[in-house]
Amino acid sequence: MDSEDILSESKNKIRQGASPDDIITYLHVRKFTIAESIKAVRHLYALPLGEAKQLVAMHPAWKDVDQATAEFHRELIETLKTDKDTAFPAEETAYAKPIHRDSQTP
């Protein structure tokens, strides 16, 4: 079953009374990614992106992904606050030199 078939089946389920929770669970079971699920819910319910994102991300089916992402963000922020090696002066980086796209030199 491809994604179009799954969306079609989701529409049928909605017509038969399936709730948004039911649909999000169905999409998760059918191996939609969280991004694909947000896009599908946005389309199926004509929701703004932020609302669809919140609805999907807060759903219990995606709790593990939400927790992992939150933990990653906490660790990243903590590392950036404490790791002095993350702040490189521009002259020390390989990318500090201007790139001249018109020239023949690499």
N, C-alpha and C. Protein backbone atom coordinates (compact mmCIF):
# COMPACT_ATOMS: atom_id res chain seq x y z
N MET A 1 0.85 -1.18 0.00
CA MET A 1 0.00 0.00 0.00
C MET A 1 0.90 1.24 0.00
N ASP A 2 0.75 2.11 -0.99
CA ASP A 2 1.56 3.32 -1.03
C ASP A 2 0.87 4.45 -0.26
N SER A 3 1.54 5.59 -0.18
CA SER A 3 1.02 6.69 0.63
C SER A 3 -0.32 7.21 0.13
N GLU A 4 -0.53 7.20 -1.18
CA GLU A 4 -1.83 7.65 -1.71
C GLU A 4 -2.95 6.71 -1.28
N ASP A 5 -2.67 5.42 -1.27
CA ASP A 5 -3.66 4.44 -0.80
C ASP A 5 -3.97 4.65 0.68
N ILE A 6 -2.93 4.93 1.45
CA ILE A 6 -3.12 5.15 2.89
C ILE A 6 -3.94 6.41 3.13
N LEU A 7 -3.68 7.46 2.37
CA LEU A 7 -4.48 8.69 2.50
C LEU A 7 -5.93 8.44 2.10
N SER A 8 -6.12 7.69 1.04
CA SER A 8 -7.48 7.35 0.60
C SER A 8 -8.20 6.55 1.68
N GLU A 9 -7.52 5.58 2.25
CA GLU A 9 -8.10 4.78 3.33
C GLU A 9 -8.39 5.65 4.56
N SER A 10 -7.51 6.61 4.82
CA SER A 10 -7.73 7.54 5.94
C SER A 10 -9.01 8.35 5.73
N LYS A 11 -9.22 8.81 4.50
CA LYS A 11 -10.44 9.55 4.19
C LYS A 11 -11.68 8.68 4.42
N ASN A 12 -11.60 7.43 3.99
CA ASN A 12 -12.71 6.50 4.23
C ASN A 12 -12.97 6.32 5.72
N LYS A 13 -11.91 6.18 6.48
CA LYS A 13 -12.05 6.01 7.93
C LYS A 13 -12.69 7.25 8.56
N ILE A 14 -12.31 8.43 8.09
CA ILE A 14 -12.90 9.67 8.61
C ILE A 14 -14.39 9.71 8.30
N ARG A 15 -14.76 9.35 7.07
CA ARG A 15 -16.18 9.30 6.69
C ARG A 15 -16.97 8.33 7.57
N GLN A 16 -16.30 7.28 8.03
CA GLN A 16 -16.95 6.28 8.88
C GLN A 16 -16.91 6.65 10.36
N GLY A 17 -16.37 7.83 10.66
CA GLY A 17 -16.39 8.32 12.04
C GLY A 17 -15.09 8.22 12.82
N ALA A 18 -14.00 7.87 12.16
CA ALA A 18 -12.72 7.80 12.87
C ALA A 18 -12.31 9.18 13.37
N SER A 19 -11.77 9.21 14.57
CA SER A 19 -11.32 10.46 15.18
C SER A 19 -9.92 10.81 14.67
N PRO A 20 -9.48 12.06 14.87
CA PRO A 20 -8.09 12.40 14.53
C PRO A 20 -7.09 11.48 15.24
N ASP A 21 -7.36 11.13 16.50
CA ASP A 21 -6.48 10.20 17.21
C ASP A 21 -6.38 8.86 16.48
N ASP A 22 -7.53 8.37 16.02
CA ASP A 22 -7.55 7.11 15.27
C ASP A 22 -6.70 7.21 14.00
N ILE A 23 -6.84 8.32 13.31
CA ILE A 23 -6.12 8.51 12.04
C ILE A 23 -4.62 8.61 12.29
N ILE A 24 -4.23 9.36 13.30
CA ILE A 24 -2.79 9.49 13.61
C ILE A 24 -2.20 8.13 13.97
N THR A 25 -2.93 7.36 14.75
CA THR A 25 -2.48 6.01 15.09
C THR A 25 -2.36 5.16 13.83
N TYR A 26 -3.35 5.25 12.95
CA TYR A 26 -3.34 4.49 11.69
C TYR A 26 -2.12 4.86 10.85
N LEU A 27 -1.83 6.15 10.74
CA LEU A 27 -0.68 6.60 9.95
C LEU A 27 0.62 6.07 10.56
N HIS A 28 0.70 6.09 11.87
CA HIS A 28 1.89 5.60 12.57
C HIS A 28 2.08 4.10 12.31
N VAL A 29 1.00 3.35 12.42
CA VAL A 29 1.05 1.90 12.18
C VAL A 29 1.46 1.61 10.74
N ARG A 30 1.04 2.47 9.81
CA ARG A 30 1.38 2.28 8.39
C ARG A 30 2.77 2.82 8.06
N LYS A 31 3.54 3.15 9.10
CA LYS A 31 4.94 3.56 8.96
C LYS A 31 5.15 4.94 8.34
N PHE A 32 4.15 5.81 8.46
CA PHE A 32 4.37 7.20 8.06
C PHE A 32 5.37 7.80 9.05
N THR A 33 6.27 8.66 8.57
CA THR A 33 7.15 9.38 9.47
C THR A 33 6.32 10.45 10.17
N ILE A 34 6.90 11.08 11.17
CA ILE A 34 6.17 12.14 11.87
C ILE A 34 5.89 13.30 10.90
N ALA A 35 6.85 13.62 10.03
CA ALA A 35 6.64 14.70 9.06
C ALA A 35 5.54 14.33 8.06
N GLU A 36 5.54 13.10 7.59
CA GLU A 36 4.49 12.65 6.67
C GLU A 36 3.12 12.66 7.36
N SER A 37 3.11 12.30 8.63
CA SER A 37 1.85 12.30 9.38
C SER A 37 1.31 13.72 9.56
N ILE A 38 2.20 14.65 9.85
CA ILE A 38 1.79 16.06 10.00
C ILE A 38 1.21 16.55 8.68
N LYS A 39 1.90 16.26 7.59
CA LYS A 39 1.42 16.68 6.26
C LYS A 39 0.06 16.06 5.96
N ALA A 40 -0.09 14.77 6.26
CA ALA A 40 -1.36 14.08 6.00
C ALA A 40 -2.49 14.66 6.84
N VAL A 41 -2.25 14.86 8.13
CA VAL A 41 -3.28 15.41 9.01
C VAL A 41 -3.66 16.82 8.58
N ARG A 42 -2.66 17.59 8.19
CA ARG A 42 -2.94 18.95 7.69
C ARG A 42 -3.86 18.89 6.47
N HIS A 43 -3.58 17.98 5.56
CA HIS A 43 -4.38 17.82 4.35
C HIS A 43 -5.77 17.26 4.66
N LEU A 44 -5.82 16.21 5.46
CA LEU A 44 -7.09 15.53 5.74
C LEU A 44 -8.09 16.40 6.50
N TYR A 45 -7.58 17.25 7.38
CA TYR A 45 -8.46 18.07 8.22
C TYR A 45 -8.41 19.56 7.88
N ALA A 46 -7.69 19.93 6.82
CA ALA A 46 -7.56 21.33 6.40
C ALA A 46 -7.13 22.21 7.57
N LEU A 47 -6.06 21.80 8.24
CA LEU A 47 -5.55 22.52 9.41
C LEU A 47 -4.33 23.35 9.04
N PRO A 48 -4.10 24.43 9.78
CA PRO A 48 -2.84 25.15 9.61
C PRO A 48 -1.67 24.25 10.05
N LEU A 49 -0.51 24.49 9.52
CA LEU A 49 0.66 23.66 9.80
C LEU A 49 0.93 23.52 11.30
N GLY A 50 0.91 24.63 12.02
CA GLY A 50 1.21 24.60 13.45
C GLY A 50 0.24 23.73 14.23
N GLU A 51 -1.02 23.81 13.86
CA GLU A 51 -2.04 23.01 14.55
C GLU A 51 -1.87 21.52 14.24
N ALA A 52 -1.60 21.20 12.99
CA ALA A 52 -1.37 19.80 12.61
C ALA A 52 -0.13 19.25 13.30
N LYS A 53 0.92 20.07 13.36
CA LYS A 53 2.16 19.65 14.02
C LYS A 53 1.91 19.35 15.49
N GLN A 54 1.21 20.23 16.16
CA GLN A 54 0.93 20.03 17.58
C GLN A 54 0.08 18.77 17.79
N LEU A 55 -0.93 18.60 16.97
CA LEU A 55 -1.83 17.45 17.10
C LEU A 55 -1.06 16.13 16.95
N VAL A 56 -0.19 16.07 15.96
CA VAL A 56 0.57 14.84 15.71
C VAL A 56 1.67 14.65 16.76
N ALA A 57 2.45 15.69 17.01
CA ALA A 57 3.59 15.57 17.93
C ALA A 57 3.16 15.23 19.35
N MET A 58 1.98 15.68 19.75
CA MET A 58 1.50 15.42 21.10
C MET A 58 0.78 14.08 21.22
N HIS A 59 0.58 13.40 20.12
CA HIS A 59 -0.13 12.12 20.13
C HIS A 59 0.75 11.04 20.77
N PRO A 60 0.16 10.17 21.57
CA PRO A 60 0.94 9.10 22.23
C PRO A 60 1.75 8.23 21.27
N ALA A 61 1.30 8.08 20.04
CA ALA A 61 2.04 7.26 19.07
C ALA A 61 3.43 7.82 18.81
N TRP A 62 3.58 9.14 18.96
CA TRP A 62 4.85 9.80 18.67
C TRP A 62 5.59 10.22 19.93
N LYS A 63 5.15 9.76 21.09
CA LYS A 63 5.76 10.18 22.35
C LYS A 63 7.25 9.88 22.38
N ASP A 64 7.67 8.71 21.90
CA ASP A 64 9.08 8.35 21.93
C ASP A 64 9.93 9.30 21.08
N VAL A 65 9.42 9.69 19.93
CA VAL A 65 10.13 10.62 19.04
C VAL A 65 10.20 11.99 19.68
N ASP A 66 9.09 12.44 20.26
CA ASP A 66 9.05 13.74 20.91
C ASP A 66 10.04 13.80 22.06
N GLN A 67 10.10 12.76 22.88
CA GLN A 67 11.02 12.72 24.01
C GLN A 67 12.47 12.69 23.54
N ALA A 68 12.76 11.91 22.52
CA ALA A 68 14.13 11.83 22.00
C ALA A 68 14.57 13.17 21.43
N THR A 69 13.69 13.83 20.72
CA THR A 69 14.01 15.13 20.15
C THR A 69 14.23 16.16 21.24
N ALA A 70 13.38 16.16 22.26
CA ALA A 70 13.52 17.11 23.37
C ALA A 70 14.85 16.88 24.09
N GLU A 71 15.21 15.63 24.31
CA GLU A 71 16.48 15.32 24.98
C GLU A 71 17.66 15.77 24.13
N PHE A 72 17.60 15.53 22.83
CA PHE A 72 18.66 15.97 21.92
C PHE A 72 18.82 17.49 21.99
N HIS A 73 17.72 18.23 21.95
CA HIS A 73 17.78 19.69 22.00
C HIS A 73 18.36 20.17 23.33
N ARG A 74 17.96 19.54 24.44
CA ARG A 74 18.52 19.92 25.75
C ARG A 74 20.03 19.70 25.77
N GLU A 75 20.47 18.55 25.28
CA GLU A 75 21.90 18.25 25.27
C GLU A 75 22.67 19.21 24.36
N LEU A 76 22.12 19.51 23.21
CA LEU A 76 22.77 20.42 22.28
C LEU A 76 22.92 21.80 22.90
N ILE A 77 21.87 22.31 23.50
CA ILE A 77 21.92 23.63 24.14
C ILE A 77 22.93 23.64 25.26
N GLU A 78 22.94 22.60 26.09
CA GLU A 78 23.89 22.52 27.20
C GLU A 78 25.32 22.47 26.68
N THR A 79 25.56 21.71 25.62
CA THR A 79 26.89 21.62 25.04
C THR A 79 27.33 22.97 24.49
N LEU A 80 26.45 23.64 23.80
CA LEU A 80 26.79 24.95 23.24
C LEU A 80 27.07 25.97 24.32
N LYS A 81 26.42 25.85 25.46
CA LYS A 81 26.65 26.78 26.57
C LYS A 81 28.00 26.54 27.23
N THR A 82 28.43 25.29 27.31
CA THR A 82 29.61 24.95 28.10
C THR A 82 30.85 24.62 27.30
N ASP A 83 30.73 24.24 26.05
CA ASP A 83 31.88 23.81 25.26
C ASP A 83 32.51 24.99 24.55
N LYS A 84 33.68 25.37 25.01
CA LYS A 84 34.35 26.53 24.42
C LYS A 84 34.85 26.25 23.00
N ASP A 85 35.00 24.97 22.64
CA ASP A 85 35.46 24.63 21.30
C ASP A 85 34.41 24.87 20.22
N THR A 86 33.19 25.17 20.61
CA THR A 86 32.16 25.37 19.60
C THR A 86 32.20 26.75 18.99
N ALA A 87 32.92 27.67 19.62
CA ALA A 87 33.00 29.04 19.10
C ALA A 87 34.37 29.23 18.46
N PHE A 88 34.45 29.10 17.15
CA PHE A 88 35.70 29.25 16.43
C PHE A 88 35.80 30.66 15.86
N PRO A 89 36.95 31.32 16.05
CA PRO A 89 37.13 32.61 15.37
C PRO A 89 37.10 32.38 13.86
N ALA A 90 36.57 33.31 13.13
CA ALA A 90 36.39 33.14 11.68
C ALA A 90 37.70 32.85 10.96
N GLU A 91 38.81 33.47 11.40
CA GLU A 91 40.07 33.27 10.69
C GLU A 91 40.63 31.86 10.87
N GLU A 92 40.10 31.09 11.82
CA GLU A 92 40.58 29.73 12.05
C GLU A 92 39.78 28.69 11.29
N THR A 93 38.73 29.07 10.63
CA THR A 93 37.90 28.09 9.95
C THR A 93 38.27 27.99 8.49
N ALA A 94 38.07 26.84 7.91
CA ALA A 94 38.36 26.64 6.49
C ALA A 94 37.40 27.41 5.61
N TYR A 95 36.27 27.81 6.15
CA TYR A 95 35.24 28.46 5.35
C TYR A 95 35.25 29.97 5.49
N ALA A 96 36.26 30.52 6.16
CA ALA A 96 36.29 31.95 6.39
C ALA A 96 36.68 32.73 5.14
N LYS A 97 37.39 32.09 4.21
CA LYS A 97 37.81 32.79 3.00
C LYS A 97 36.62 32.97 2.07
N PRO A 98 36.54 34.12 1.42
CA PRO A 98 35.42 34.33 0.49
C PRO A 98 35.48 33.34 -0.67
N ILE A 99 34.34 32.94 -1.12
CA ILE A 99 34.25 32.03 -2.26
C ILE A 99 33.96 32.87 -3.49
N HIS A 100 34.84 32.78 -4.49
CA HIS A 100 34.64 33.52 -5.73
C HIS A 100 34.16 32.54 -6.79
N ARG A 101 32.90 32.56 -7.06
CA ARG A 101 32.33 31.60 -7.99
C ARG A 101 32.66 31.92 -9.45
N ASP A 102 33.04 33.17 -9.72
CA ASP A 102 33.35 33.56 -11.09
C ASP A 102 34.77 33.17 -11.51
N SER A 103 35.63 32.96 -10.54
CA SER A 103 37.03 32.67 -10.88
C SER A 103 37.19 31.20 -11.27
N GLN A 104 38.28 30.91 -11.94
CA GLN A 104 38.58 29.56 -12.39
C GLN A 104 39.32 28.76 -11.32
N THR A 105 39.79 29.42 -10.27
CA THR A 105 40.53 28.70 -9.23
C THR A 105 39.58 28.02 -8.28
N PRO A 106 39.96 26.84 -7.80
CA PRO A 106 39.07 26.10 -6.89
C PRO A 106 38.98 26.74 -5.52
